[in-house]
Amino acid sequence: MSTLPAVAAAALIGFVGNELVARYRIRVGRKIGSAALVADGLHARTDGFTSLAVLLGVAGVAVGWNWADPVVGLLITVAILAVLRQAAREIYWRLMDAVDPSLVDQAGEVLRGASGVLDIGQVRLRWIGHRLRAECEVIVDANSTAIQAHLVAVSAEHNLLHALPQLTAALVHADPQPRDGEDQHAELMSHR
């Protein structure tokens, strides 16, 4: 019983330290697009929860509850499984090239705001390591010259590169605004 205060203090310090490290790793991991660093931050968070569970165990032992150790062991197991599930989900989605839909929506809004863009077509983002690549279609005035359409596409790409920090390259294709429902890509339909 005389060591309980020291164990409690160590558990509290362990929780606070691990949580600070976890937040930092998760924040930086998300900023640079590193799913591995985010998973490492989640691992540090699990270690923090383990320390917090030890603190609960110390409190249980201090009041004379004999089941404190096994219950704390089960709580630690549940915490580890919960964090493992979250980390596995993030890694799985990254392996599947999944991009947060809000990021795709943001890219669409940035493209729509570019000078000369009348509308947008498909917007695709994918992860390549820690970086994003984009393939986008913008609709431009049908009377634009090739040079004018190119300048609109370059402007849209420039805006994207500034708006999405992890984006390293974007291919922006300029399509003329369709007239009377015509499909400029009809010739390609048999290839899709």
N, C-alpha and C. Protein backbone atom coordinates (compact mmCIF):
# COMPACT_ATOMS: atom_id res chain seq x y z
N MET A 1 0.81 -1.20 0.00
CA MET A 1 0.00 0.00 0.00
C MET A 1 0.86 1.27 0.00
N SER A 2 2.08 1.20 0.54
CA SER A 2 2.90 2.40 0.63
C SER A 2 3.39 2.88 -0.74
N THR A 3 3.40 1.99 -1.74
CA THR A 3 3.87 2.38 -3.07
C THR A 3 2.74 2.89 -3.97
N LEU A 4 1.49 2.80 -3.49
CA LEU A 4 0.36 3.22 -4.33
C LEU A 4 0.46 4.67 -4.80
N PRO A 5 0.82 5.63 -3.95
CA PRO A 5 0.93 7.01 -4.45
C PRO A 5 1.97 7.16 -5.56
N ALA A 6 3.10 6.45 -5.43
CA ALA A 6 4.13 6.54 -6.47
C ALA A 6 3.63 5.92 -7.78
N VAL A 7 2.94 4.78 -7.69
CA VAL A 7 2.39 4.15 -8.89
C VAL A 7 1.34 5.05 -9.52
N ALA A 8 0.49 5.67 -8.69
CA ALA A 8 -0.54 6.58 -9.20
C ALA A 8 0.09 7.78 -9.91
N ALA A 9 1.14 8.34 -9.31
CA ALA A 9 1.82 9.49 -9.92
C ALA A 9 2.45 9.09 -11.25
N ALA A 10 3.09 7.92 -11.28
CA ALA A 10 3.71 7.46 -12.53
C ALA A 10 2.66 7.22 -13.61
N ALA A 11 1.52 6.65 -13.21
CA ALA A 11 0.44 6.40 -14.17
C ALA A 11 -0.09 7.72 -14.74
N LEU A 12 -0.26 8.70 -13.88
CA LEU A 12 -0.78 10.01 -14.33
C LEU A 12 0.22 10.69 -15.26
N ILE A 13 1.49 10.66 -14.90
CA ILE A 13 2.52 11.25 -15.76
C ILE A 13 2.59 10.50 -17.10
N GLY A 14 2.48 9.17 -17.04
CA GLY A 14 2.48 8.36 -18.26
C GLY A 14 1.33 8.70 -19.17
N PHE A 15 0.14 8.89 -18.58
CA PHE A 15 -1.02 9.24 -19.39
C PHE A 15 -0.83 10.59 -20.07
N VAL A 16 -0.46 11.60 -19.28
CA VAL A 16 -0.32 12.96 -19.84
C VAL A 16 0.77 12.98 -20.91
N GLY A 17 1.92 12.36 -20.64
CA GLY A 17 3.02 12.35 -21.61
C GLY A 17 2.63 11.65 -22.90
N ASN A 18 2.02 10.48 -22.77
CA ASN A 18 1.62 9.74 -23.98
C ASN A 18 0.54 10.48 -24.77
N GLU A 19 -0.38 11.12 -24.08
CA GLU A 19 -1.44 11.85 -24.79
C GLU A 19 -0.87 13.04 -25.55
N LEU A 20 0.10 13.74 -24.94
CA LEU A 20 0.74 14.87 -25.63
C LEU A 20 1.47 14.37 -26.88
N VAL A 21 2.22 13.28 -26.75
CA VAL A 21 2.93 12.70 -27.89
C VAL A 21 1.94 12.23 -28.95
N ALA A 22 0.85 11.60 -28.51
CA ALA A 22 -0.16 11.10 -29.46
C ALA A 22 -0.76 12.25 -30.26
N ARG A 23 -1.16 13.31 -29.58
CA ARG A 23 -1.75 14.45 -30.30
C ARG A 23 -0.78 15.04 -31.30
N TYR A 24 0.48 15.18 -30.90
CA TYR A 24 1.48 15.73 -31.80
C TYR A 24 1.66 14.85 -33.03
N ARG A 25 1.83 13.54 -32.83
CA ARG A 25 2.05 12.63 -33.95
C ARG A 25 0.83 12.58 -34.88
N ILE A 26 -0.35 12.55 -34.30
CA ILE A 26 -1.56 12.50 -35.13
C ILE A 26 -1.71 13.79 -35.93
N ARG A 27 -1.47 14.94 -35.28
CA ARG A 27 -1.60 16.23 -35.97
C ARG A 27 -0.59 16.34 -37.12
N VAL A 28 0.67 16.00 -36.84
CA VAL A 28 1.70 16.07 -37.88
C VAL A 28 1.43 15.03 -38.96
N GLY A 29 1.03 13.83 -38.56
CA GLY A 29 0.72 12.78 -39.53
C GLY A 29 -0.37 13.20 -40.50
N ARG A 30 -1.41 13.83 -39.97
CA ARG A 30 -2.50 14.30 -40.85
C ARG A 30 -2.04 15.46 -41.71
N LYS A 31 -1.19 16.32 -41.13
CA LYS A 31 -0.71 17.47 -41.89
C LYS A 31 0.14 17.04 -43.09
N ILE A 32 1.00 16.05 -42.88
CA ILE A 32 1.88 15.63 -43.98
C ILE A 32 1.31 14.45 -44.75
N GLY A 33 0.14 13.96 -44.35
CA GLY A 33 -0.49 12.87 -45.07
C GLY A 33 0.12 11.51 -44.79
N SER A 34 0.68 11.30 -43.59
CA SER A 34 1.32 10.04 -43.25
C SER A 34 0.39 9.18 -42.40
N ALA A 35 -0.20 8.17 -43.01
CA ALA A 35 -1.06 7.25 -42.26
C ALA A 35 -0.25 6.50 -41.21
N ALA A 36 1.02 6.21 -41.50
CA ALA A 36 1.86 5.49 -40.54
C ALA A 36 2.10 6.33 -39.29
N LEU A 37 2.34 7.62 -39.46
CA LEU A 37 2.57 8.49 -38.30
C LEU A 37 1.28 8.65 -37.49
N VAL A 38 0.15 8.73 -38.17
CA VAL A 38 -1.13 8.78 -37.46
C VAL A 38 -1.33 7.50 -36.66
N ALA A 39 -1.03 6.36 -37.26
CA ALA A 39 -1.16 5.08 -36.55
C ALA A 39 -0.22 5.03 -35.36
N ASP A 40 0.98 5.57 -35.51
CA ASP A 40 1.92 5.62 -34.40
C ASP A 40 1.38 6.51 -33.28
N GLY A 41 0.73 7.61 -33.65
CA GLY A 41 0.11 8.47 -32.65
C GLY A 41 -1.01 7.76 -31.92
N LEU A 42 -1.78 6.97 -32.66
CA LEU A 42 -2.85 6.20 -32.02
C LEU A 42 -2.26 5.15 -31.07
N HIS A 43 -1.10 4.60 -31.43
CA HIS A 43 -0.43 3.66 -30.55
C HIS A 43 -0.01 4.36 -29.25
N ALA A 44 0.53 5.57 -29.36
CA ALA A 44 0.90 6.33 -28.17
C ALA A 44 -0.34 6.62 -27.32
N ARG A 45 -1.46 6.88 -27.97
CA ARG A 45 -2.70 7.11 -27.24
C ARG A 45 -3.12 5.85 -26.47
N THR A 46 -2.93 4.69 -27.08
CA THR A 46 -3.22 3.43 -26.39
C THR A 46 -2.35 3.29 -25.15
N ASP A 47 -1.08 3.64 -25.28
CA ASP A 47 -0.20 3.59 -24.11
C ASP A 47 -0.69 4.53 -23.01
N GLY A 48 -1.19 5.69 -23.42
CA GLY A 48 -1.75 6.64 -22.44
C GLY A 48 -2.97 6.08 -21.74
N PHE A 49 -3.86 5.44 -22.52
CA PHE A 49 -5.04 4.82 -21.91
C PHE A 49 -4.64 3.69 -20.96
N THR A 50 -3.58 2.99 -21.31
CA THR A 50 -3.09 1.93 -20.43
C THR A 50 -2.63 2.54 -19.09
N SER A 51 -1.93 3.65 -19.15
CA SER A 51 -1.51 4.33 -17.92
C SER A 51 -2.71 4.80 -17.11
N LEU A 52 -3.72 5.30 -17.79
CA LEU A 52 -4.93 5.74 -17.11
C LEU A 52 -5.65 4.55 -16.45
N ALA A 53 -5.65 3.42 -17.13
CA ALA A 53 -6.25 2.22 -16.55
C ALA A 53 -5.49 1.77 -15.31
N VAL A 54 -4.15 1.89 -15.34
CA VAL A 54 -3.35 1.56 -14.16
C VAL A 54 -3.75 2.47 -13.00
N LEU A 55 -3.99 3.73 -13.29
CA LEU A 55 -4.43 4.67 -12.26
C LEU A 55 -5.76 4.22 -11.64
N LEU A 56 -6.67 3.76 -12.48
CA LEU A 56 -7.94 3.23 -11.97
C LEU A 56 -7.71 1.99 -11.12
N GLY A 57 -6.77 1.14 -11.55
CA GLY A 57 -6.44 -0.05 -10.76
C GLY A 57 -5.88 0.30 -9.40
N VAL A 58 -5.02 1.32 -9.37
CA VAL A 58 -4.46 1.78 -8.09
C VAL A 58 -5.58 2.26 -7.18
N ALA A 59 -6.51 3.00 -7.74
CA ALA A 59 -7.64 3.49 -6.93
C ALA A 59 -8.46 2.32 -6.39
N GLY A 60 -8.68 1.31 -7.22
CA GLY A 60 -9.43 0.13 -6.79
C GLY A 60 -8.73 -0.61 -5.67
N VAL A 61 -7.42 -0.79 -5.81
CA VAL A 61 -6.64 -1.47 -4.77
C VAL A 61 -6.65 -0.64 -3.49
N ALA A 62 -6.56 0.67 -3.63
CA ALA A 62 -6.54 1.55 -2.46
C ALA A 62 -7.81 1.43 -1.63
N VAL A 63 -8.95 1.19 -2.27
CA VAL A 63 -10.21 1.04 -1.52
C VAL A 63 -10.49 -0.41 -1.16
N GLY A 64 -9.56 -1.30 -1.49
CA GLY A 64 -9.69 -2.69 -1.09
C GLY A 64 -10.47 -3.58 -2.05
N TRP A 65 -10.62 -3.14 -3.30
CA TRP A 65 -11.36 -3.95 -4.27
C TRP A 65 -10.42 -4.97 -4.88
N ASN A 66 -10.65 -6.25 -4.61
CA ASN A 66 -9.77 -7.32 -5.06
C ASN A 66 -9.80 -7.55 -6.57
N TRP A 67 -10.87 -7.17 -7.22
CA TRP A 67 -11.03 -7.39 -8.65
C TRP A 67 -10.43 -6.26 -9.50
N ALA A 68 -9.78 -5.32 -8.87
CA ALA A 68 -9.26 -4.15 -9.60
C ALA A 68 -8.29 -4.55 -10.71
N ASP A 69 -7.34 -5.43 -10.39
CA ASP A 69 -6.36 -5.83 -11.40
C ASP A 69 -6.98 -6.49 -12.63
N PRO A 70 -7.83 -7.52 -12.47
CA PRO A 70 -8.41 -8.15 -13.67
C PRO A 70 -9.31 -7.21 -14.46
N VAL A 71 -10.06 -6.37 -13.77
CA VAL A 71 -10.94 -5.43 -14.48
C VAL A 71 -10.11 -4.43 -15.27
N VAL A 72 -9.05 -3.94 -14.66
CA VAL A 72 -8.17 -3.00 -15.36
C VAL A 72 -7.54 -3.69 -16.58
N GLY A 73 -7.15 -4.94 -16.44
CA GLY A 73 -6.60 -5.69 -17.57
C GLY A 73 -7.58 -5.76 -18.73
N LEU A 74 -8.86 -6.00 -18.41
CA LEU A 74 -9.89 -6.04 -19.45
C LEU A 74 -10.11 -4.66 -20.07
N LEU A 75 -10.08 -3.61 -19.24
CA LEU A 75 -10.23 -2.25 -19.78
C LEU A 75 -9.09 -1.91 -20.74
N ILE A 76 -7.88 -2.32 -20.36
CA ILE A 76 -6.73 -2.07 -21.23
C ILE A 76 -6.90 -2.80 -22.56
N THR A 77 -7.38 -4.03 -22.49
CA THR A 77 -7.61 -4.81 -23.71
C THR A 77 -8.64 -4.13 -24.61
N VAL A 78 -9.72 -3.64 -24.02
CA VAL A 78 -10.76 -2.95 -24.79
C VAL A 78 -10.19 -1.68 -25.42
N ALA A 79 -9.39 -0.92 -24.66
CA ALA A 79 -8.80 0.31 -25.20
C ALA A 79 -7.86 -0.01 -26.36
N ILE A 80 -7.05 -1.05 -26.21
CA ILE A 80 -6.12 -1.43 -27.28
C ILE A 80 -6.90 -1.84 -28.54
N LEU A 81 -7.94 -2.62 -28.36
CA LEU A 81 -8.74 -3.06 -29.51
C LEU A 81 -9.42 -1.88 -30.20
N ALA A 82 -9.91 -0.91 -29.43
CA ALA A 82 -10.58 0.26 -30.03
C ALA A 82 -9.59 1.08 -30.85
N VAL A 83 -8.42 1.32 -30.31
CA VAL A 83 -7.42 2.10 -31.04
C VAL A 83 -6.89 1.31 -32.23
N LEU A 84 -6.72 0.00 -32.07
CA LEU A 84 -6.29 -0.85 -33.18
C LEU A 84 -7.29 -0.79 -34.33
N ARG A 85 -8.57 -0.82 -34.01
CA ARG A 85 -9.61 -0.75 -35.03
C ARG A 85 -9.52 0.56 -35.81
N GLN A 86 -9.34 1.67 -35.09
CA GLN A 86 -9.25 2.97 -35.75
C GLN A 86 -8.01 3.04 -36.63
N ALA A 87 -6.86 2.57 -36.13
CA ALA A 87 -5.62 2.62 -36.90
C ALA A 87 -5.72 1.71 -38.13
N ALA A 88 -6.28 0.52 -37.95
CA ALA A 88 -6.42 -0.41 -39.08
C ALA A 88 -7.34 0.17 -40.15
N ARG A 89 -8.40 0.85 -39.74
CA ARG A 89 -9.32 1.45 -40.70
C ARG A 89 -8.61 2.54 -41.51
N GLU A 90 -7.83 3.39 -40.84
CA GLU A 90 -7.12 4.45 -41.56
C GLU A 90 -6.10 3.87 -42.54
N ILE A 91 -5.37 2.87 -42.10
CA ILE A 91 -4.37 2.24 -42.99
C ILE A 91 -5.07 1.55 -44.16
N TYR A 92 -6.17 0.86 -43.89
CA TYR A 92 -6.92 0.18 -44.96
C TYR A 92 -7.39 1.18 -46.01
N TRP A 93 -7.99 2.27 -45.58
CA TRP A 93 -8.50 3.25 -46.55
C TRP A 93 -7.35 3.85 -47.35
N ARG A 94 -6.19 4.06 -46.72
CA ARG A 94 -5.04 4.60 -47.45
C ARG A 94 -4.57 3.59 -48.49
N LEU A 95 -4.54 2.30 -48.10
CA LEU A 95 -4.13 1.27 -49.06
C LEU A 95 -5.09 1.19 -50.25
N MET A 96 -6.34 1.53 -50.02
CA MET A 96 -7.35 1.49 -51.08
C MET A 96 -7.41 2.82 -51.85
N ASP A 97 -6.44 3.69 -51.60
CA ASP A 97 -6.38 5.02 -52.24
C ASP A 97 -7.56 5.91 -51.88
N ALA A 98 -8.20 5.66 -50.77
CA ALA A 98 -9.36 6.47 -50.37
C ALA A 98 -8.89 7.87 -49.96
N VAL A 99 -9.67 8.85 -50.37
CA VAL A 99 -9.42 10.24 -50.00
C VAL A 99 -10.69 10.74 -49.32
N ASP A 100 -10.51 11.49 -48.27
CA ASP A 100 -11.64 12.04 -47.54
C ASP A 100 -12.55 12.81 -48.52
N PRO A 101 -13.85 12.47 -48.59
CA PRO A 101 -14.76 13.14 -49.53
C PRO A 101 -14.80 14.66 -49.36
N SER A 102 -14.58 15.15 -48.15
CA SER A 102 -14.59 16.60 -47.96
C SER A 102 -13.41 17.24 -48.68
N LEU A 103 -12.31 16.51 -48.84
CA LEU A 103 -11.16 17.02 -49.58
C LEU A 103 -11.48 17.11 -51.07
N VAL A 104 -12.20 16.12 -51.58
CA VAL A 104 -12.64 16.14 -52.98
C VAL A 104 -13.61 17.31 -53.19
N ASP A 105 -14.52 17.50 -52.25
CA ASP A 105 -15.46 18.63 -52.34
C ASP A 105 -14.71 19.96 -52.33
N GLN A 106 -13.70 20.05 -51.46
CA GLN A 106 -12.90 21.28 -51.39
C GLN A 106 -12.21 21.53 -52.72
N ALA A 107 -11.66 20.48 -53.32
CA ALA A 107 -11.00 20.64 -54.62
C ALA A 107 -11.99 21.12 -55.67
N GLY A 108 -13.21 20.57 -55.64
CA GLY A 108 -14.24 21.01 -56.59
C GLY A 108 -14.58 22.48 -56.43
N GLU A 109 -14.68 22.93 -55.18
CA GLU A 109 -14.99 24.35 -54.94
C GLU A 109 -13.85 25.25 -55.42
N VAL A 110 -12.62 24.81 -55.20
CA VAL A 110 -11.47 25.59 -55.66
C VAL A 110 -11.48 25.68 -57.18
N LEU A 111 -11.76 24.58 -57.85
CA LEU A 111 -11.81 24.59 -59.31
C LEU A 111 -12.91 25.52 -59.81
N ARG A 112 -14.09 25.44 -59.19
CA ARG A 112 -15.22 26.30 -59.60
C ARG A 112 -14.88 27.78 -59.45
N GLY A 113 -14.03 28.10 -58.48
CA GLY A 113 -13.67 29.49 -58.23
C GLY A 113 -12.59 30.04 -59.15
N ALA A 114 -11.99 29.19 -59.95
CA ALA A 114 -10.92 29.65 -60.84
C ALA A 114 -11.50 30.49 -61.97
N SER A 115 -10.79 31.52 -62.33
CA SER A 115 -11.23 32.42 -63.40
C SER A 115 -11.36 31.67 -64.72
N GLY A 116 -12.52 31.81 -65.37
CA GLY A 116 -12.75 31.18 -66.66
C GLY A 116 -13.39 29.80 -66.58
N VAL A 117 -13.50 29.24 -65.37
CA VAL A 117 -14.14 27.93 -65.21
C VAL A 117 -15.64 28.14 -65.10
N LEU A 118 -16.39 27.53 -66.03
CA LEU A 118 -17.85 27.66 -66.02
C LEU A 118 -18.50 26.58 -65.15
N ASP A 119 -17.86 25.42 -65.10
CA ASP A 119 -18.36 24.30 -64.31
C ASP A 119 -17.23 23.30 -64.19
N ILE A 120 -17.47 22.21 -63.48
CA ILE A 120 -16.45 21.17 -63.38
C ILE A 120 -17.05 19.84 -63.79
N GLY A 121 -16.19 18.95 -64.20
CA GLY A 121 -16.58 17.57 -64.50
C GLY A 121 -16.10 16.69 -63.36
N GLN A 122 -15.43 15.61 -63.69
CA GLN A 122 -14.94 14.70 -62.65
C GLN A 122 -13.74 15.29 -61.93
N VAL A 123 -13.70 15.02 -60.63
CA VAL A 123 -12.56 15.41 -59.79
C VAL A 123 -12.11 14.15 -59.07
N ARG A 124 -10.88 13.74 -59.33
CA ARG A 124 -10.34 12.54 -58.68
C ARG A 124 -9.07 12.90 -57.93
N LEU A 125 -8.99 12.45 -56.70
CA LEU A 125 -7.78 12.62 -55.90
C LEU A 125 -7.32 11.23 -55.47
N ARG A 126 -6.02 11.05 -55.39
CA ARG A 126 -5.51 9.78 -54.85
C ARG A 126 -4.20 10.03 -54.15
N TRP A 127 -3.96 9.20 -53.15
CA TRP A 127 -2.71 9.27 -52.40
C TRP A 127 -1.64 8.49 -53.13
N ILE A 128 -0.46 9.06 -53.18
CA ILE A 128 0.73 8.36 -53.62
C ILE A 128 1.75 8.62 -52.52
N GLY A 129 1.90 7.66 -51.63
CA GLY A 129 2.74 7.87 -50.45
C GLY A 129 2.09 8.91 -49.55
N HIS A 130 2.84 9.96 -49.26
CA HIS A 130 2.34 11.04 -48.40
C HIS A 130 1.77 12.20 -49.20
N ARG A 131 1.68 12.04 -50.48
CA ARG A 131 1.27 13.15 -51.34
C ARG A 131 0.02 12.80 -52.13
N LEU A 132 -0.70 13.85 -52.50
CA LEU A 132 -1.91 13.70 -53.31
C LEU A 132 -1.62 14.07 -54.76
N ARG A 133 -2.34 13.39 -55.65
CA ARG A 133 -2.36 13.77 -57.07
C ARG A 133 -3.81 13.95 -57.45
N ALA A 134 -4.06 14.83 -58.40
CA ALA A 134 -5.42 15.12 -58.82
C ALA A 134 -5.54 14.98 -60.33
N GLU A 135 -6.71 14.51 -60.74
CA GLU A 135 -7.10 14.52 -62.15
C GLU A 135 -8.47 15.16 -62.19
N CYS A 136 -8.58 16.26 -62.91
CA CYS A 136 -9.81 17.06 -62.87
C CYS A 136 -10.21 17.52 -64.26
N GLU A 137 -11.51 17.76 -64.39
CA GLU A 137 -12.04 18.31 -65.63
C GLU A 137 -12.72 19.63 -65.31
N VAL A 138 -12.39 20.65 -66.10
CA VAL A 138 -13.07 21.93 -65.97
C VAL A 138 -13.76 22.26 -67.30
N ILE A 139 -14.90 22.88 -67.20
CA ILE A 139 -15.65 23.29 -68.39
C ILE A 139 -15.34 24.75 -68.66
N VAL A 140 -14.93 25.03 -69.91
CA VAL A 140 -14.59 26.40 -70.31
C VAL A 140 -15.49 26.83 -71.46
N ASP A 141 -15.46 28.08 -71.76
CA ASP A 141 -16.25 28.64 -72.85
C ASP A 141 -15.89 27.92 -74.16
N ALA A 142 -16.91 27.49 -74.89
CA ALA A 142 -16.69 26.76 -76.14
C ALA A 142 -15.98 27.61 -77.19
N ASN A 143 -16.04 28.92 -77.06
CA ASN A 143 -15.39 29.82 -78.02
C ASN A 143 -13.95 30.14 -77.64
N SER A 144 -13.45 29.55 -76.56
CA SER A 144 -12.06 29.79 -76.13
C SER A 144 -11.10 29.19 -77.15
N THR A 145 -9.98 29.87 -77.31
CA THR A 145 -8.91 29.28 -78.12
C THR A 145 -8.23 28.20 -77.27
N ALA A 146 -7.41 27.41 -77.90
CA ALA A 146 -6.67 26.38 -77.16
C ALA A 146 -5.79 27.02 -76.09
N ILE A 147 -5.20 28.16 -76.43
CA ILE A 147 -4.34 28.86 -75.47
C ILE A 147 -5.16 29.38 -74.30
N GLN A 148 -6.32 29.97 -74.58
CA GLN A 148 -7.17 30.47 -73.50
C GLN A 148 -7.65 29.33 -72.59
N ALA A 149 -8.06 28.21 -73.18
CA ALA A 149 -8.50 27.06 -72.39
C ALA A 149 -7.35 26.52 -71.54
N HIS A 150 -6.15 26.51 -72.13
CA HIS A 150 -4.98 26.05 -71.39
C HIS A 150 -4.69 26.97 -70.20
N LEU A 151 -4.81 28.27 -70.41
CA LEU A 151 -4.55 29.22 -69.32
C LEU A 151 -5.57 29.06 -68.19
N VAL A 152 -6.81 28.76 -68.52
CA VAL A 152 -7.83 28.50 -67.50
C VAL A 152 -7.44 27.25 -66.71
N ALA A 153 -7.01 26.20 -67.41
CA ALA A 153 -6.62 24.95 -66.74
C ALA A 153 -5.41 25.18 -65.84
N VAL A 154 -4.44 25.96 -66.30
CA VAL A 154 -3.25 26.25 -65.49
C VAL A 154 -3.64 27.06 -64.25
N SER A 155 -4.52 28.02 -64.41
CA SER A 155 -4.99 28.81 -63.27
C SER A 155 -5.70 27.93 -62.25
N ALA A 156 -6.54 27.02 -62.74
CA ALA A 156 -7.26 26.10 -61.84
C ALA A 156 -6.26 25.20 -61.11
N GLU A 157 -5.26 24.69 -61.83
CA GLU A 157 -4.24 23.84 -61.21
C GLU A 157 -3.46 24.62 -60.15
N HIS A 158 -3.10 25.84 -60.46
CA HIS A 158 -2.37 26.69 -59.52
C HIS A 158 -3.17 26.89 -58.24
N ASN A 159 -4.46 27.19 -58.39
CA ASN A 159 -5.32 27.38 -57.22
C ASN A 159 -5.39 26.11 -56.38
N LEU A 160 -5.48 24.96 -57.05
CA LEU A 160 -5.53 23.68 -56.33
C LEU A 160 -4.26 23.44 -55.53
N LEU A 161 -3.12 23.69 -56.15
CA LEU A 161 -1.84 23.46 -55.47
C LEU A 161 -1.71 24.31 -54.21
N HIS A 162 -2.29 25.50 -54.22
CA HIS A 162 -2.24 26.36 -53.04
C HIS A 162 -3.29 25.98 -52.00
N ALA A 163 -4.40 25.44 -52.43
CA ALA A 163 -5.50 25.14 -51.51
C ALA A 163 -5.34 23.80 -50.79
N LEU A 164 -4.69 22.84 -51.42
CA LEU A 164 -4.53 21.51 -50.83
C LEU A 164 -3.05 21.27 -50.54
N PRO A 165 -2.65 21.39 -49.28
CA PRO A 165 -1.22 21.35 -48.95
C PRO A 165 -0.48 20.08 -49.38
N GLN A 166 -1.15 18.92 -49.38
CA GLN A 166 -0.45 17.70 -49.73
C GLN A 166 -0.47 17.41 -51.23
N LEU A 167 -1.13 18.25 -51.99
CA LEU A 167 -1.22 18.05 -53.44
C LEU A 167 0.10 18.46 -54.09
N THR A 168 0.70 17.52 -54.83
CA THR A 168 1.97 17.82 -55.49
C THR A 168 1.82 18.01 -56.98
N ALA A 169 0.75 17.47 -57.55
CA ALA A 169 0.54 17.62 -58.99
C ALA A 169 -0.94 17.43 -59.31
N ALA A 170 -1.36 18.13 -60.34
CA ALA A 170 -2.74 18.00 -60.80
C ALA A 170 -2.75 18.06 -62.31
N LEU A 171 -3.54 17.18 -62.89
CA LEU A 171 -3.76 17.21 -64.33
C LEU A 171 -5.17 17.78 -64.50
N VAL A 172 -5.25 18.97 -65.06
CA VAL A 172 -6.54 19.64 -65.24
C VAL A 172 -6.83 19.68 -66.74
N HIS A 173 -7.91 19.01 -67.10
CA HIS A 173 -8.32 18.91 -68.50
C HIS A 173 -9.45 19.91 -68.75
N ALA A 174 -9.28 20.74 -69.77
CA ALA A 174 -10.30 21.74 -70.11
C ALA A 174 -11.22 21.18 -71.21
N ASP A 175 -12.50 21.13 -70.92
CA ASP A 175 -13.52 20.71 -71.90
C ASP A 175 -14.34 21.94 -72.29
N PRO A 176 -14.65 22.08 -73.58
CA PRO A 176 -15.53 23.18 -73.97
C PRO A 176 -16.96 22.93 -73.48
N GLN A 177 -17.63 24.01 -73.17
CA GLN A 177 -19.02 23.89 -72.72
C GLN A 177 -19.84 23.25 -73.84
N PRO A 178 -20.58 22.18 -73.53
CA PRO A 178 -21.34 21.49 -74.59
C PRO A 178 -22.44 22.39 -75.15
N ARG A 179 -22.68 22.24 -76.44
CA ARG A 179 -23.76 22.99 -77.10
C ARG A 179 -24.90 22.03 -77.39
N ASP A 180 -26.08 22.40 -77.04
CA ASP A 180 -27.29 21.62 -77.33
C ASP A 180 -27.16 20.16 -76.92
N GLY A 181 -26.58 19.89 -75.76
CA GLY A 181 -26.51 18.53 -75.23
C GLY A 181 -25.51 17.63 -75.92
N GLU A 182 -24.66 18.16 -76.78
CA GLU A 182 -23.68 17.31 -77.45
C GLU A 182 -22.66 16.79 -76.45
N ASP A 183 -22.11 15.63 -76.71
CA ASP A 183 -21.10 15.02 -75.86
C ASP A 183 -19.79 14.97 -76.62
N GLN A 184 -18.83 15.81 -76.20
CA GLN A 184 -17.55 15.86 -76.90
C GLN A 184 -16.74 14.57 -76.73
N HIS A 185 -17.17 13.72 -75.81
CA HIS A 185 -16.44 12.48 -75.57
C HIS A 185 -17.19 11.25 -76.09
N ALA A 186 -18.18 11.46 -76.92
CA ALA A 186 -19.00 10.34 -77.42
C ALA A 186 -18.14 9.31 -78.15
N GLU A 187 -17.12 9.75 -78.82
CA GLU A 187 -16.25 8.85 -79.57
C GLU A 187 -15.53 7.87 -78.64
N LEU A 188 -15.39 8.23 -77.36
CA LEU A 188 -14.66 7.39 -76.41
C LEU A 188 -15.58 6.41 -75.65
N MET A 189 -16.89 6.53 -75.84
CA MET A 189 -17.84 5.72 -75.08
C MET A 189 -17.59 4.23 -75.19
N SER A 190 -17.17 3.78 -76.36
CA SER A 190 -16.95 2.33 -76.55
C SER A 190 -15.72 1.85 -75.78
N HIS A 191 -14.89 2.75 -75.30
CA HIS A 191 -13.68 2.40 -74.57
C HIS A 191 -13.86 2.43 -73.05
N ARG A 192 -15.05 2.82 -72.60
CA ARG A 192 -15.25 2.94 -71.14
C ARG A 192 -15.90 1.73 -70.59
